[in-house]
Structures are given as structure tokens and as C-alpha cells.
Amino acid sequence: MKTGVKRALVFELFQKQGGKCCYCDRPMVILPRGRDQNRPDAATLEHLLTGRRKGWTKRDNMAAACLECNNMRGSGMDWCTFKTYRMGEFWEFISGCKDL
């Protein structure tokens, strides 16, 4: 994906999500190109389903995530489980599974 298209999509998703990360719900910032891009609250483009799980670069598979969450998730955990973890609900989820 070309840089200009990627930046436009990040901005579109950022606005759609009210400027909050799709995982942790904390506010993100959109920074000018080349400035402080390593800030943990910098908005990044995130694939909800990763390539290994047939997650292609389509609009309905993309979200804006803060750099911290994007780096933390990697490709080993599905997006729903990761969101549960980031929202502090993971252990509640696990406890509920034991009761099934």
C-alpha cells in the first residue's frame, strides 16, 4: 500500500473510531510524517485478521490502533482475544470459560 493511501486510511479509521485505539480505547495522535513516529500513542494501521488467517488489506479488515497495542499484539493472537486482554477483561473471560 502506498504511503499516501495508507495515511489517508489511518486518518479515516482514526476519525471513525473517535481518535481511540481499537484495542485499549485510549486516545491516539496522528503525527506529521517523520515526527515522533515511535510514540506509543501514535495511530497505526492494524490488520484485524492477519495474513496467515486470510487477512488481506481490505477496509473491513483494518482498524486504527496505537503503536503500543500494534507492537504488543504481533501476529500470534486474534484481535478479539487481544482486545479482551487490553481492556483488562481477559481473566474474567478465562474464568467464565471454566464454568462451561
C-alpha atoms as a PDB file:
ATOM      1  CA  MET A   1       0.000   0.000   0.000  1.00  0.00           C
ATOM      2  CA  LYS A   2       1.375   3.409  -0.957  1.00  0.00           C
ATOM      3  CA  THR A   3       2.243   5.751   1.896  1.00  0.00           C
ATOM      4  CA  GLY A   4      -0.312   8.427   0.931  1.00  0.00           C
ATOM      5  CA  VAL A   5      -3.119   5.877   0.692  1.00  0.00           C
ATOM      6  CA  LYS A   6      -2.063   4.306   4.000  1.00  0.00           C
ATOM      7  CA  ARG A   7      -2.002   7.668   5.797  1.00  0.00           C
ATOM      8  CA  ALA A   8      -5.445   8.556   4.394  1.00  0.00           C
ATOM      9  CA  LEU A   9      -6.849   5.228   5.591  1.00  0.00           C
ATOM     10  CA  VAL A  10      -5.319   5.653   9.073  1.00  0.00           C
ATOM     11  CA  PHE A  11      -6.882   9.122   9.265  1.00  0.00           C
ATOM     12  CA  GLU A  12     -10.279   7.815   8.096  1.00  0.00           C
ATOM     13  CA  LEU A  13     -10.257   4.991  10.660  1.00  0.00           C
ATOM     14  CA  PHE A  14      -8.944   7.346  13.360  1.00  0.00           C
ATOM     15  CA  GLN A  15     -11.949   9.635  12.801  1.00  0.00           C
ATOM     16  CA  LYS A  16     -14.395   6.728  12.588  1.00  0.00           C
ATOM     17  CA  GLN A  17     -13.116   5.398  15.954  1.00  0.00           C
ATOM     18  CA  GLY A  18     -13.289   8.804  17.635  1.00  0.00           C
ATOM     19  CA  GLY A  19      -9.492   9.025  17.861  1.00  0.00           C
ATOM     20  CA  LYS A  20      -9.293   5.990  20.148  1.00  0.00           C
ATOM     21  CA  CYS A  21      -7.340   2.762  19.778  1.00  0.00           C
ATOM     22  CA  CYS A  22      -9.403  -0.215  18.621  1.00  0.00           C
ATOM     23  CA  TYR A  23      -7.869  -2.331  21.414  1.00  0.00           C
ATOM     24  CA  CYS A  24      -7.280  -0.236  24.537  1.00  0.00           C
ATOM     25  CA  ASP A  25      -9.711   2.673  23.865  1.00  0.00           C
ATOM     26  CA  ARG A  26      -7.014   5.197  24.805  1.00  0.00           C
ATOM     27  CA  PRO A  27      -6.669   8.399  22.763  1.00  0.00           C
ATOM     28  CA  MET A  28      -4.223   8.271  19.842  1.00  0.00           C
ATOM     29  CA  VAL A  29      -2.442  11.001  17.926  1.00  0.00           C
ATOM     30  CA  ILE A  30      -1.803  11.369  14.221  1.00  0.00           C
ATOM     31  CA  LEU A  31       1.659  12.774  13.725  1.00  0.00           C
ATOM     32  CA  PRO A  32       3.196  14.511  10.721  1.00  0.00           C
ATOM     33  CA  ARG A  33       5.299  12.130   8.672  1.00  0.00           C
ATOM     34  CA  GLY A  34       8.748  11.595  10.179  1.00  0.00           C
ATOM     35  CA  ARG A  35       7.986  13.170  13.574  1.00  0.00           C
ATOM     36  CA  ASP A  36       7.916  11.098  16.790  1.00  0.00           C
ATOM     37  CA  GLN A  37       6.566   8.061  14.939  1.00  0.00           C
ATOM     38  CA  ASN A  38       7.737   5.840  17.812  1.00  0.00           C
ATOM     39  CA  ARG A  39       5.378   7.393  20.351  1.00  0.00           C
ATOM     40  CA  PRO A  40       3.285   4.657  21.987  1.00  0.00           C
ATOM     41  CA  ASP A  41       0.089   6.646  21.287  1.00  0.00           C
ATOM     42  CA  ALA A  42       0.822   7.156  17.572  1.00  0.00           C
ATOM     43  CA  ALA A  43      -2.026   5.919  15.352  1.00  0.00           C
ATOM     44  CA  THR A  44      -1.086   2.951  13.156  1.00  0.00           C
ATOM     45  CA  LEU A  45      -2.897   0.792  10.638  1.00  0.00           C
ATOM     46  CA  GLU A  46      -3.804  -2.618  12.038  1.00  0.00           C
ATOM     47  CA  HIS A  47      -4.914  -5.803  10.271  1.00  0.00           C
ATOM     48  CA  LEU A  48      -7.619  -7.396  12.413  1.00  0.00           C
ATOM     49  CA  LEU A  49      -7.161 -10.769  10.730  1.00  0.00           C
ATOM     50  CA  THR A  50      -3.508 -11.330   9.962  1.00  0.00           C
ATOM     51  CA  GLY A  51      -2.180 -12.641   6.640  1.00  0.00           C
ATOM     52  CA  ARG A  52      -1.818 -16.133   7.986  1.00  0.00           C
ATOM     53  CA  ARG A  53      -5.533 -16.090   8.708  1.00  0.00           C
ATOM     54  CA  LYS A  54      -6.526 -14.802   5.265  1.00  0.00           C
ATOM     55  CA  GLY A  55      -6.467 -11.187   6.446  1.00  0.00           C
ATOM     56  CA  TRP A  56      -5.878  -9.106   3.384  1.00  0.00           C
ATOM     57  CA  THR A  57      -5.562  -5.362   3.187  1.00  0.00           C
ATOM     58  CA  LYS A  58      -9.255  -4.633   2.786  1.00  0.00           C
ATOM     59  CA  ARG A  59     -11.120  -1.834   4.502  1.00  0.00           C
ATOM     60  CA  ASP A  60     -13.306  -4.190   6.545  1.00  0.00           C
ATOM     61  CA  ASN A  61     -10.200  -5.909   7.927  1.00  0.00           C
ATOM     62  CA  MET A  62      -8.448  -2.722   9.035  1.00  0.00           C
ATOM     63  CA  ALA A  63      -8.601  -0.594  12.176  1.00  0.00           C
ATOM     64  CA  ALA A  64      -6.548   2.171  13.777  1.00  0.00           C
ATOM     65  CA  ALA A  65      -4.502   1.011  16.757  1.00  0.00           C
ATOM     66  CA  CYS A  66      -1.956   2.781  18.928  1.00  0.00           C
ATOM     67  CA  LEU A  67       1.631   1.779  18.254  1.00  0.00           C
ATOM     68  CA  GLU A  68       1.904   0.167  21.689  1.00  0.00           C
ATOM     69  CA  CYS A  69      -1.020  -2.203  21.053  1.00  0.00           C
ATOM     70  CA  ASN A  70       0.023  -2.865  17.469  1.00  0.00           C
ATOM     71  CA  ASN A  71       3.502  -3.913  18.600  1.00  0.00           C
ATOM     72  CA  MET A  72       2.179  -5.920  21.566  1.00  0.00           C
ATOM     73  CA  ARG A  73      -0.295  -7.969  19.579  1.00  0.00           C
ATOM     74  CA  GLY A  74       2.085  -9.085  16.862  1.00  0.00           C
ATOM     75  CA  SER A  75       0.542 -11.864  14.799  1.00  0.00           C
ATOM     76  CA  GLY A  76       0.151 -14.595  17.403  1.00  0.00           C
ATOM     77  CA  MET A  77      -3.172 -13.611  18.978  1.00  0.00           C
ATOM     78  CA  ASP A  78      -6.539 -12.995  17.334  1.00  0.00           C
ATOM     79  CA  TRP A  79      -7.849  -9.436  17.603  1.00  0.00           C
ATOM     80  CA  CYS A  80     -10.840 -10.246  19.829  1.00  0.00           C
ATOM     81  CA  THR A  81      -8.763 -12.074  22.455  1.00  0.00           C
ATOM     82  CA  PHE A  82      -6.186  -9.279  22.393  1.00  0.00           C
ATOM     83  CA  LYS A  83      -8.856  -6.604  22.895  1.00  0.00           C
ATOM     84  CA  THR A  84     -10.248  -8.584  25.838  1.00  0.00           C
ATOM     85  CA  TYR A  85      -6.743  -8.697  27.309  1.00  0.00           C
ATOM     86  CA  ARG A  86      -6.063  -4.960  26.749  1.00  0.00           C
ATOM     87  CA  MET A  87      -9.385  -3.966  28.307  1.00  0.00           C
ATOM     88  CA  GLY A  88      -8.493  -5.909  31.466  1.00  0.00           C
ATOM     89  CA  GLU A  89     -11.249  -8.456  30.942  1.00  0.00           C
ATOM     90  CA  PHE A  90      -9.095 -11.425  29.963  1.00  0.00           C
ATOM     91  CA  TRP A  91      -9.091 -13.209  33.319  1.00  0.00           C
ATOM     92  CA  GLU A  92     -12.853 -12.720  33.649  1.00  0.00           C
ATOM     93  CA  PHE A  93     -13.190 -14.304  30.202  1.00  0.00           C
ATOM     94  CA  ILE A  94     -10.983 -17.263  31.183  1.00  0.00           C
ATOM     95  CA  SER A  95     -12.885 -17.759  34.453  1.00  0.00           C
ATOM     96  CA  GLY A  96     -16.177 -17.773  32.554  1.00  0.00           C
ATOM     97  CA  CYS A  97     -14.861 -20.461  30.200  1.00  0.00           C
ATOM     98  CA  LYS A  98     -14.158 -22.763  33.141  1.00  0.00           C
ATOM     99  CA  ASP A  99     -17.845 -22.706  34.038  1.00  0.00           C
ATOM    100  CA  LEU A 100     -18.921 -24.021  30.621  1.00  0.00           C
END
